[in-house]
Every structure is written in C-alpha cells, then in structure tokens.
C-alpha cells in the first residue's frame, strides 16, 4: 500500500499506483496528472475537483466515487468500473473510456449531468440508466456503447 500525502498542495505527478487501496479516501482537488492507477481500488472516494489530465487507469474501481468537477481530459480509463459515480460538471475531453462501466442499478445512481465528453472515446462503454442530462457528447466515439434509451 502506498503512503502518500492526500493534500492538494502535494502533486502526485507521474506516480504509479498498482493495486493501491484508496477506498473512501478524500483526494479532493488532488493533482494526479500523468499518474497510473492499475487495478487500484478507489470505491466511495471523494475525488471532487481531481486534476487527472493525461492519467492512466487500468481496471480501476471508482464505483460510488464523487467526481464532481474532476478533470479527466486526455486520460485513459480502460475497463474501469465507474458504477454509481456522481460526476456532474466533470471534464472528459479527448479521454479514452474504452469498455468503461458507468451503469446504474437499483442500488447505485450514476450522474454524468453536464459532463463534457467532447471527442472522448466511449467505445463499448456501458451507460444504461445513466443520468446524462446536459452532457456534451459532440464528436464522441460511441461504437458499441450501450446508452440510455431515448438518447
């Protein structure tokens, strides 16, 4: 387990966190640009206003996390679990979210309202029953994506 400062003033730029456990951690406004989170567990974490531009997330579990105002622009999130995230006003411009799982269920509600997905790759993303009110999907790649009915 990595022991690092969660202070926003202490940037984690370029770090690699393989199988790290940050469940329910408060990483509000932390700077994780160009970091790699491989099979990391961040379920239920407060990642509000997280600065994650250009970061890489491989099979990470962010389910139930708060991602409001987080910036994942140009990030890679491959096969990540994002079920039940609250991500209103988040930025995902040019991000690659291949096979990301955003689904909502009876016990989890995923809110991506007003999220910016311009130019993002959402190929094969699972987004059934997700709140996308006001989300910007202009130029997004949606091949094989399962989107909410009526979108």
N, C-alpha and C. Protein backbone atom coordinates (compact mmCIF):
# COMPACT_ATOMS: atom_id res chain seq x y z
N UNK A 1 0.84 -1.16 0.00
CA UNK A 1 0.00 0.00 0.00
C UNK A 1 0.89 1.23 0.00
N UNK A 2 0.53 2.18 -0.85
CA UNK A 2 1.31 3.41 -0.95
C UNK A 2 0.90 4.37 0.16
N UNK A 3 1.87 4.98 0.80
CA UNK A 3 1.61 6.00 1.80
C UNK A 3 2.05 7.32 1.22
N UNK A 4 1.08 8.15 0.85
CA UNK A 4 1.38 9.42 0.22
C UNK A 4 0.47 10.48 0.79
N UNK A 5 0.85 11.70 0.63
CA UNK A 5 0.04 12.81 1.10
C UNK A 5 -1.18 12.97 0.21
N UNK A 6 -2.33 13.22 0.82
CA UNK A 6 -3.54 13.48 0.04
C UNK A 6 -3.79 14.98 -0.08
N UNK A 7 -2.85 15.77 0.32
CA UNK A 7 -3.00 17.22 0.23
C UNK A 7 -2.96 17.67 -1.22
N UNK A 8 -3.89 18.55 -1.62
CA UNK A 8 -3.86 19.07 -2.99
C UNK A 8 -2.56 19.80 -3.28
N UNK A 9 -1.91 20.31 -2.25
CA UNK A 9 -0.66 21.04 -2.45
C UNK A 9 0.50 20.10 -2.79
N UNK A 10 0.32 18.81 -2.59
CA UNK A 10 1.37 17.84 -2.86
C UNK A 10 1.02 17.05 -4.13
N UNK A 11 1.46 17.50 -5.29
CA UNK A 11 1.10 16.79 -6.53
C UNK A 11 1.74 15.41 -6.58
N UNK A 12 1.01 14.48 -7.16
CA UNK A 12 1.49 13.10 -7.29
C UNK A 12 1.96 12.84 -8.70
N UNK A 13 2.26 13.84 -9.46
CA UNK A 13 2.53 13.71 -10.89
C UNK A 13 3.50 12.58 -11.20
N UNK A 14 3.09 11.74 -12.15
CA UNK A 14 3.95 10.69 -12.66
C UNK A 14 4.04 9.44 -11.80
N UNK A 15 3.33 9.35 -10.70
CA UNK A 15 3.40 8.19 -9.82
C UNK A 15 2.67 6.99 -10.40
N UNK A 16 3.04 5.81 -9.95
CA UNK A 16 2.38 4.58 -10.37
C UNK A 16 1.81 3.89 -9.14
N UNK A 17 0.51 3.62 -9.17
CA UNK A 17 -0.17 3.05 -8.02
C UNK A 17 -0.85 1.75 -8.43
N UNK A 18 -0.09 0.67 -8.44
CA UNK A 18 -0.61 -0.64 -8.82
C UNK A 18 -1.23 -1.30 -7.59
N UNK A 19 -2.50 -1.70 -7.75
CA UNK A 19 -3.26 -2.37 -6.71
C UNK A 19 -3.34 -1.55 -5.42
N UNK A 20 -3.24 -0.23 -5.55
CA UNK A 20 -3.34 0.65 -4.38
C UNK A 20 -4.78 0.66 -3.87
N UNK A 21 -4.94 0.87 -2.59
CA UNK A 21 -6.26 0.87 -1.97
C UNK A 21 -6.53 2.26 -1.38
N UNK A 22 -7.45 2.98 -2.06
CA UNK A 22 -7.83 4.32 -1.63
C UNK A 22 -9.33 4.38 -1.37
N UNK A 23 -9.95 3.26 -1.02
CA UNK A 23 -11.39 3.24 -0.78
C UNK A 23 -11.79 4.25 0.28
N UNK A 24 -12.79 5.05 -0.06
CA UNK A 24 -13.35 6.09 0.81
C UNK A 24 -12.34 7.16 1.21
N UNK A 25 -11.25 7.26 0.51
CA UNK A 25 -10.25 8.30 0.78
C UNK A 25 -10.75 9.65 0.31
N UNK A 26 -10.24 10.71 0.89
CA UNK A 26 -10.56 12.05 0.42
C UNK A 26 -9.36 12.56 -0.36
N UNK A 27 -9.53 12.60 -1.68
CA UNK A 27 -8.48 13.09 -2.58
C UNK A 27 -8.99 14.33 -3.31
N UNK A 28 -9.83 15.09 -2.65
CA UNK A 28 -10.44 16.29 -3.23
C UNK A 28 -9.36 17.23 -3.75
N UNK A 29 -9.47 17.61 -5.03
CA UNK A 29 -8.58 18.56 -5.70
C UNK A 29 -7.13 18.09 -5.78
N UNK A 30 -6.88 16.81 -5.57
CA UNK A 30 -5.51 16.29 -5.69
C UNK A 30 -5.06 16.37 -7.15
N UNK A 31 -3.78 16.48 -7.36
CA UNK A 31 -3.20 16.57 -8.70
C UNK A 31 -2.52 15.25 -9.04
N UNK A 32 -3.14 14.50 -9.94
CA UNK A 32 -2.61 13.18 -10.30
C UNK A 32 -2.30 13.11 -11.80
N UNK A 33 -1.95 14.25 -12.38
CA UNK A 33 -1.64 14.28 -13.80
C UNK A 33 -0.53 13.27 -14.12
N UNK A 34 -0.73 12.56 -15.21
CA UNK A 34 0.23 11.58 -15.74
C UNK A 34 0.53 10.44 -14.77
N UNK A 35 -0.32 10.21 -13.78
CA UNK A 35 -0.16 9.06 -12.88
C UNK A 35 -0.82 7.84 -13.50
N UNK A 36 -0.43 6.69 -13.02
CA UNK A 36 -1.01 5.42 -13.48
C UNK A 36 -1.62 4.70 -12.28
N UNK A 37 -2.90 4.35 -12.43
CA UNK A 37 -3.62 3.60 -11.40
C UNK A 37 -4.03 2.27 -12.02
N UNK A 38 -3.30 1.22 -11.72
CA UNK A 38 -3.57 -0.09 -12.31
C UNK A 38 -4.20 -0.99 -11.26
N UNK A 39 -5.43 -1.44 -11.52
CA UNK A 39 -6.19 -2.29 -10.62
C UNK A 39 -6.30 -1.66 -9.22
N UNK A 40 -6.33 -0.34 -9.19
CA UNK A 40 -6.46 0.38 -7.92
C UNK A 40 -7.92 0.40 -7.49
N UNK A 41 -8.15 0.40 -6.19
CA UNK A 41 -9.49 0.45 -5.63
C UNK A 41 -9.72 1.82 -5.02
N UNK A 42 -10.65 2.58 -5.61
CA UNK A 42 -10.97 3.91 -5.12
C UNK A 42 -12.46 4.05 -4.86
N UNK A 43 -13.16 2.94 -4.60
CA UNK A 43 -14.61 2.97 -4.43
C UNK A 43 -14.98 3.87 -3.26
N UNK A 44 -16.01 4.69 -3.53
CA UNK A 44 -16.53 5.58 -2.50
C UNK A 44 -15.62 6.74 -2.14
N UNK A 45 -14.58 6.97 -2.91
CA UNK A 45 -13.63 8.04 -2.60
C UNK A 45 -14.17 9.40 -3.02
N UNK A 46 -13.73 10.44 -2.33
CA UNK A 46 -14.07 11.80 -2.73
C UNK A 46 -12.97 12.29 -3.66
N UNK A 47 -13.28 12.27 -4.96
CA UNK A 47 -12.34 12.71 -5.99
C UNK A 47 -12.83 13.99 -6.64
N UNK A 48 -13.63 14.76 -5.91
CA UNK A 48 -14.16 16.02 -6.43
C UNK A 48 -13.02 16.94 -6.81
N UNK A 49 -13.15 17.58 -7.96
CA UNK A 49 -12.16 18.54 -8.47
C UNK A 49 -10.77 17.91 -8.67
N UNK A 50 -10.72 16.59 -8.77
CA UNK A 50 -9.45 15.90 -9.04
C UNK A 50 -8.87 16.38 -10.37
N UNK A 51 -7.60 16.63 -10.41
CA UNK A 51 -6.91 17.04 -11.64
C UNK A 51 -6.16 15.82 -12.17
N UNK A 52 -6.77 15.13 -13.14
CA UNK A 52 -6.25 13.85 -13.63
C UNK A 52 -5.96 13.87 -15.12
N UNK A 53 -5.62 15.03 -15.66
CA UNK A 53 -5.33 15.13 -17.10
C UNK A 53 -4.17 14.20 -17.46
N UNK A 54 -4.39 13.42 -18.54
CA UNK A 54 -3.33 12.56 -19.05
C UNK A 54 -3.00 11.37 -18.16
N UNK A 55 -3.83 11.09 -17.17
CA UNK A 55 -3.57 9.95 -16.28
C UNK A 55 -4.04 8.66 -16.95
N UNK A 56 -3.59 7.53 -16.41
CA UNK A 56 -3.97 6.23 -16.95
C UNK A 56 -4.58 5.39 -15.83
N UNK A 57 -5.72 4.79 -16.14
CA UNK A 57 -6.47 3.98 -15.19
C UNK A 57 -6.78 2.66 -15.87
N UNK A 58 -6.23 1.57 -15.39
CA UNK A 58 -6.44 0.26 -16.00
C UNK A 58 -7.14 -0.64 -14.99
N UNK A 59 -8.38 -1.04 -15.33
CA UNK A 59 -9.17 -1.93 -14.48
C UNK A 59 -9.28 -1.41 -13.05
N UNK A 60 -9.36 -0.10 -12.90
CA UNK A 60 -9.52 0.51 -11.58
C UNK A 60 -11.00 0.54 -11.20
N UNK A 61 -11.28 0.47 -9.92
CA UNK A 61 -12.65 0.50 -9.42
C UNK A 61 -12.90 1.84 -8.73
N UNK A 62 -13.67 2.71 -9.40
CA UNK A 62 -14.03 4.02 -8.86
C UNK A 62 -15.51 4.06 -8.51
N UNK A 63 -16.15 2.91 -8.37
CA UNK A 63 -17.59 2.86 -8.14
C UNK A 63 -17.98 3.64 -6.89
N UNK A 64 -19.07 4.37 -7.01
CA UNK A 64 -19.59 5.13 -5.88
C UNK A 64 -18.78 6.36 -5.51
N UNK A 65 -17.80 6.71 -6.32
CA UNK A 65 -16.95 7.86 -6.01
C UNK A 65 -17.62 9.18 -6.40
N UNK A 66 -17.20 10.24 -5.77
CA UNK A 66 -17.66 11.58 -6.11
C UNK A 66 -16.62 12.23 -7.01
N UNK A 67 -17.03 12.52 -8.25
CA UNK A 67 -16.12 13.07 -9.25
C UNK A 67 -16.59 14.44 -9.76
N UNK A 68 -17.42 15.13 -8.99
CA UNK A 68 -17.91 16.42 -9.44
C UNK A 68 -16.74 17.36 -9.72
N UNK A 69 -16.83 18.03 -10.87
CA UNK A 69 -15.82 19.00 -11.31
C UNK A 69 -14.42 18.39 -11.53
N UNK A 70 -14.29 17.07 -11.56
CA UNK A 70 -12.99 16.43 -11.82
C UNK A 70 -12.62 16.60 -13.29
N UNK A 71 -11.33 16.65 -13.57
CA UNK A 71 -10.85 16.82 -14.94
C UNK A 71 -10.05 15.60 -15.37
N UNK A 72 -10.68 14.76 -16.21
CA UNK A 72 -10.04 13.56 -16.75
C UNK A 72 -9.71 13.76 -18.23
N UNK A 73 -9.53 14.99 -18.67
CA UNK A 73 -9.24 15.26 -20.07
C UNK A 73 -7.97 14.52 -20.50
N UNK A 74 -8.03 13.92 -21.69
CA UNK A 74 -6.91 13.19 -22.28
C UNK A 74 -6.44 12.02 -21.43
N UNK A 75 -7.27 11.55 -20.50
CA UNK A 75 -6.91 10.39 -19.67
C UNK A 75 -7.34 9.10 -20.38
N UNK A 76 -6.75 8.01 -19.98
CA UNK A 76 -7.12 6.68 -20.46
C UNK A 76 -7.73 5.92 -19.29
N UNK A 77 -8.99 5.49 -19.45
CA UNK A 77 -9.65 4.67 -18.43
C UNK A 77 -10.10 3.40 -19.13
N UNK A 78 -9.33 2.35 -19.04
CA UNK A 78 -9.59 1.10 -19.74
C UNK A 78 -10.20 0.08 -18.79
N UNK A 79 -11.41 -0.39 -19.13
CA UNK A 79 -12.11 -1.41 -18.36
C UNK A 79 -12.27 -1.03 -16.89
N UNK A 80 -12.56 0.24 -16.65
CA UNK A 80 -12.75 0.72 -15.29
C UNK A 80 -14.20 0.63 -14.87
N UNK A 81 -14.43 0.41 -13.59
CA UNK A 81 -15.77 0.37 -13.03
C UNK A 81 -16.08 1.75 -12.46
N UNK A 82 -17.08 2.41 -13.06
CA UNK A 82 -17.50 3.75 -12.65
C UNK A 82 -18.98 3.74 -12.29
N UNK A 83 -19.47 2.61 -11.81
CA UNK A 83 -20.88 2.48 -11.45
C UNK A 83 -21.20 3.37 -10.25
N UNK A 84 -22.30 4.09 -10.37
CA UNK A 84 -22.77 4.88 -9.25
C UNK A 84 -21.94 6.12 -8.94
N UNK A 85 -21.10 6.58 -9.88
CA UNK A 85 -20.32 7.79 -9.63
C UNK A 85 -21.22 9.02 -9.72
N UNK A 86 -20.88 10.03 -8.96
CA UNK A 86 -21.54 11.33 -9.04
C UNK A 86 -20.53 12.25 -9.68
N UNK A 87 -20.73 12.54 -10.96
CA UNK A 87 -19.70 13.24 -11.73
C UNK A 87 -20.26 14.45 -12.47
N UNK A 88 -21.22 15.12 -11.90
CA UNK A 88 -21.78 16.30 -12.53
C UNK A 88 -20.71 17.36 -12.76
N UNK A 89 -20.73 17.95 -13.95
CA UNK A 89 -19.78 19.01 -14.27
C UNK A 89 -18.35 18.56 -14.47
N UNK A 90 -18.13 17.27 -14.61
CA UNK A 90 -16.77 16.75 -14.82
C UNK A 90 -16.35 16.92 -16.28
N UNK A 91 -15.03 16.88 -16.52
CA UNK A 91 -14.50 17.04 -17.88
C UNK A 91 -13.79 15.75 -18.30
N UNK A 92 -14.14 15.28 -19.51
CA UNK A 92 -13.57 14.05 -20.07
C UNK A 92 -13.14 14.30 -21.51
N UNK A 93 -12.80 15.53 -21.87
CA UNK A 93 -12.45 15.85 -23.26
C UNK A 93 -11.27 15.02 -23.73
N UNK A 94 -11.46 14.42 -24.91
CA UNK A 94 -10.41 13.61 -25.55
C UNK A 94 -9.98 12.41 -24.70
N UNK A 95 -10.73 12.07 -23.66
CA UNK A 95 -10.40 10.90 -22.83
C UNK A 95 -10.77 9.63 -23.58
N UNK A 96 -10.07 8.55 -23.28
CA UNK A 96 -10.39 7.24 -23.84
C UNK A 96 -10.97 6.41 -22.71
N UNK A 97 -12.27 6.11 -22.82
CA UNK A 97 -13.00 5.39 -21.78
C UNK A 97 -13.46 4.04 -22.33
N UNK A 98 -12.56 3.32 -22.95
CA UNK A 98 -12.89 2.07 -23.64
C UNK A 98 -13.32 1.01 -22.62
N UNK A 99 -14.50 0.45 -22.87
CA UNK A 99 -15.10 -0.59 -22.04
C UNK A 99 -15.34 -0.14 -20.60
N UNK A 100 -15.51 1.16 -20.40
CA UNK A 100 -15.82 1.67 -19.06
C UNK A 100 -17.25 1.29 -18.69
N UNK A 101 -17.47 0.99 -17.42
CA UNK A 101 -18.78 0.57 -16.94
C UNK A 101 -19.37 1.66 -16.05
N UNK A 102 -20.31 2.45 -16.60
CA UNK A 102 -20.96 3.54 -15.89
C UNK A 102 -22.38 3.16 -15.46
N UNK A 103 -22.78 1.92 -15.63
CA UNK A 103 -24.18 1.55 -15.43
C UNK A 103 -24.71 1.93 -14.05
N UNK A 104 -26.00 2.23 -14.03
CA UNK A 104 -26.73 2.46 -12.78
C UNK A 104 -27.56 1.22 -12.51
N UNK A 105 -27.82 1.00 -11.25
CA UNK A 105 -28.68 -0.11 -10.87
C UNK A 105 -29.62 0.34 -9.76
N UNK A 106 -30.33 -0.59 -9.18
CA UNK A 106 -31.24 -0.24 -8.10
C UNK A 106 -30.51 0.37 -6.91
N UNK A 107 -29.29 -0.05 -6.69
CA UNK A 107 -28.55 0.42 -5.52
C UNK A 107 -27.55 1.53 -5.84
N UNK A 108 -27.39 1.87 -7.10
CA UNK A 108 -26.42 2.90 -7.48
C UNK A 108 -26.99 3.78 -8.58
N UNK A 109 -26.81 5.08 -8.45
CA UNK A 109 -27.26 6.02 -9.47
C UNK A 109 -26.03 6.74 -10.02
N UNK A 110 -25.85 6.68 -11.32
CA UNK A 110 -24.71 7.35 -11.95
C UNK A 110 -25.16 8.67 -12.54
N UNK A 111 -24.55 9.76 -12.10
CA UNK A 111 -24.90 11.10 -12.57
C UNK A 111 -23.74 11.68 -13.35
N UNK A 112 -23.95 11.83 -14.67
CA UNK A 112 -22.96 12.46 -15.54
C UNK A 112 -23.55 13.72 -16.16
N UNK A 113 -24.49 14.33 -15.46
CA UNK A 113 -25.14 15.54 -15.95
C UNK A 113 -24.13 16.66 -16.17
N UNK A 114 -24.26 17.34 -17.30
CA UNK A 114 -23.40 18.44 -17.70
C UNK A 114 -21.93 18.02 -17.86
N UNK A 115 -21.65 16.73 -17.93
CA UNK A 115 -20.27 16.27 -18.15
C UNK A 115 -19.85 16.57 -19.59
N UNK A 116 -18.60 16.87 -19.78
CA UNK A 116 -18.07 17.23 -21.09
C UNK A 116 -17.31 16.03 -21.67
N UNK A 117 -17.91 15.37 -22.66
CA UNK A 117 -17.30 14.21 -23.32
C UNK A 117 -16.89 14.54 -24.75
N UNK A 118 -16.65 15.79 -25.09
CA UNK A 118 -16.30 16.16 -26.46
C UNK A 118 -15.07 15.39 -26.92
N UNK A 119 -15.22 14.66 -28.02
CA UNK A 119 -14.11 13.93 -28.61
C UNK A 119 -13.66 12.71 -27.82
N UNK A 120 -14.38 12.35 -26.77
CA UNK A 120 -13.99 11.19 -25.95
C UNK A 120 -14.29 9.89 -26.68
N UNK A 121 -13.53 8.86 -26.40
CA UNK A 121 -13.76 7.53 -26.95
C UNK A 121 -14.53 6.73 -25.92
N UNK A 122 -15.82 6.54 -26.17
CA UNK A 122 -16.69 5.78 -25.28
C UNK A 122 -17.05 4.43 -25.90
N UNK A 123 -16.16 3.90 -26.73
CA UNK A 123 -16.41 2.63 -27.40
C UNK A 123 -16.71 1.53 -26.38
N UNK A 124 -17.85 0.87 -26.59
CA UNK A 124 -18.28 -0.27 -25.77
C UNK A 124 -18.51 0.09 -24.31
N UNK A 125 -18.66 1.39 -24.01
CA UNK A 125 -18.98 1.81 -22.64
C UNK A 125 -20.40 1.35 -22.29
N UNK A 126 -20.60 0.97 -21.05
CA UNK A 126 -21.91 0.55 -20.57
C UNK A 126 -22.51 1.71 -19.79
N UNK A 127 -23.56 2.33 -20.37
CA UNK A 127 -24.11 3.54 -19.77
C UNK A 127 -25.63 3.47 -19.64
N UNK A 128 -26.17 2.25 -19.48
CA UNK A 128 -27.61 2.13 -19.33
C UNK A 128 -28.05 2.81 -18.03
N UNK A 129 -29.19 3.50 -18.09
CA UNK A 129 -29.82 4.15 -16.95
C UNK A 129 -28.94 5.20 -16.28
N UNK A 130 -28.02 5.77 -17.03
CA UNK A 130 -27.14 6.82 -16.52
C UNK A 130 -27.79 8.17 -16.76
N UNK A 131 -27.67 9.08 -15.82
CA UNK A 131 -28.18 10.45 -15.97
C UNK A 131 -27.18 11.24 -16.81
N UNK A 132 -27.58 11.60 -18.03
CA UNK A 132 -26.71 12.35 -18.94
C UNK A 132 -27.32 13.71 -19.30
N UNK A 133 -28.23 14.21 -18.49
CA UNK A 133 -28.90 15.48 -18.80
C UNK A 133 -27.89 16.61 -18.96
N UNK A 134 -27.88 17.21 -20.15
CA UNK A 134 -26.97 18.33 -20.41
C UNK A 134 -25.55 17.92 -20.73
N UNK A 135 -25.26 16.62 -20.81
CA UNK A 135 -23.89 16.18 -21.14
C UNK A 135 -23.57 16.51 -22.59
N UNK A 136 -22.33 16.85 -22.86
CA UNK A 136 -21.88 17.21 -24.20
C UNK A 136 -21.15 16.02 -24.81
N UNK A 137 -21.79 15.36 -25.77
CA UNK A 137 -21.22 14.19 -26.43
C UNK A 137 -20.78 14.50 -27.87
N UNK A 138 -20.64 15.79 -28.20
CA UNK A 138 -20.24 16.16 -29.57
C UNK A 138 -18.88 15.55 -29.91
N UNK A 139 -18.85 14.85 -31.04
CA UNK A 139 -17.61 14.26 -31.53
C UNK A 139 -17.16 13.02 -30.78
N UNK A 140 -17.94 12.54 -29.82
CA UNK A 140 -17.57 11.35 -29.06
C UNK A 140 -17.72 10.10 -29.92
N UNK A 141 -16.83 9.16 -29.76
CA UNK A 141 -16.92 7.86 -30.43
C UNK A 141 -17.78 6.96 -29.57
N UNK A 142 -18.89 6.48 -30.14
CA UNK A 142 -19.85 5.70 -29.37
C UNK A 142 -20.04 4.29 -29.93
N UNK A 143 -19.07 3.79 -30.68
CA UNK A 143 -19.20 2.46 -31.29
C UNK A 143 -19.39 1.39 -30.22
N UNK A 144 -20.50 0.68 -30.33
CA UNK A 144 -20.78 -0.42 -29.42
C UNK A 144 -21.20 0.02 -28.03
N UNK A 145 -21.31 1.32 -27.78
CA UNK A 145 -21.70 1.80 -26.45
C UNK A 145 -23.18 1.53 -26.20
N UNK A 146 -23.51 1.17 -25.00
CA UNK A 146 -24.89 0.97 -24.60
C UNK A 146 -25.33 2.19 -23.81
N UNK A 147 -26.14 3.04 -24.45
CA UNK A 147 -26.54 4.33 -23.89
C UNK A 147 -27.97 4.26 -23.36
N UNK A 148 -28.36 5.24 -22.53
CA UNK A 148 -29.74 5.26 -22.04
C UNK A 148 -30.74 5.36 -23.20
N UNK A 149 -31.89 4.78 -23.02
CA UNK A 149 -32.94 4.84 -24.05
C UNK A 149 -33.32 6.28 -24.29
N UNK A 150 -33.56 6.64 -25.54
CA UNK A 150 -34.00 7.97 -25.90
C UNK A 150 -32.88 8.94 -26.12
N UNK A 151 -31.66 8.53 -26.05
CA UNK A 151 -30.54 9.44 -26.28
C UNK A 151 -30.13 9.44 -27.73
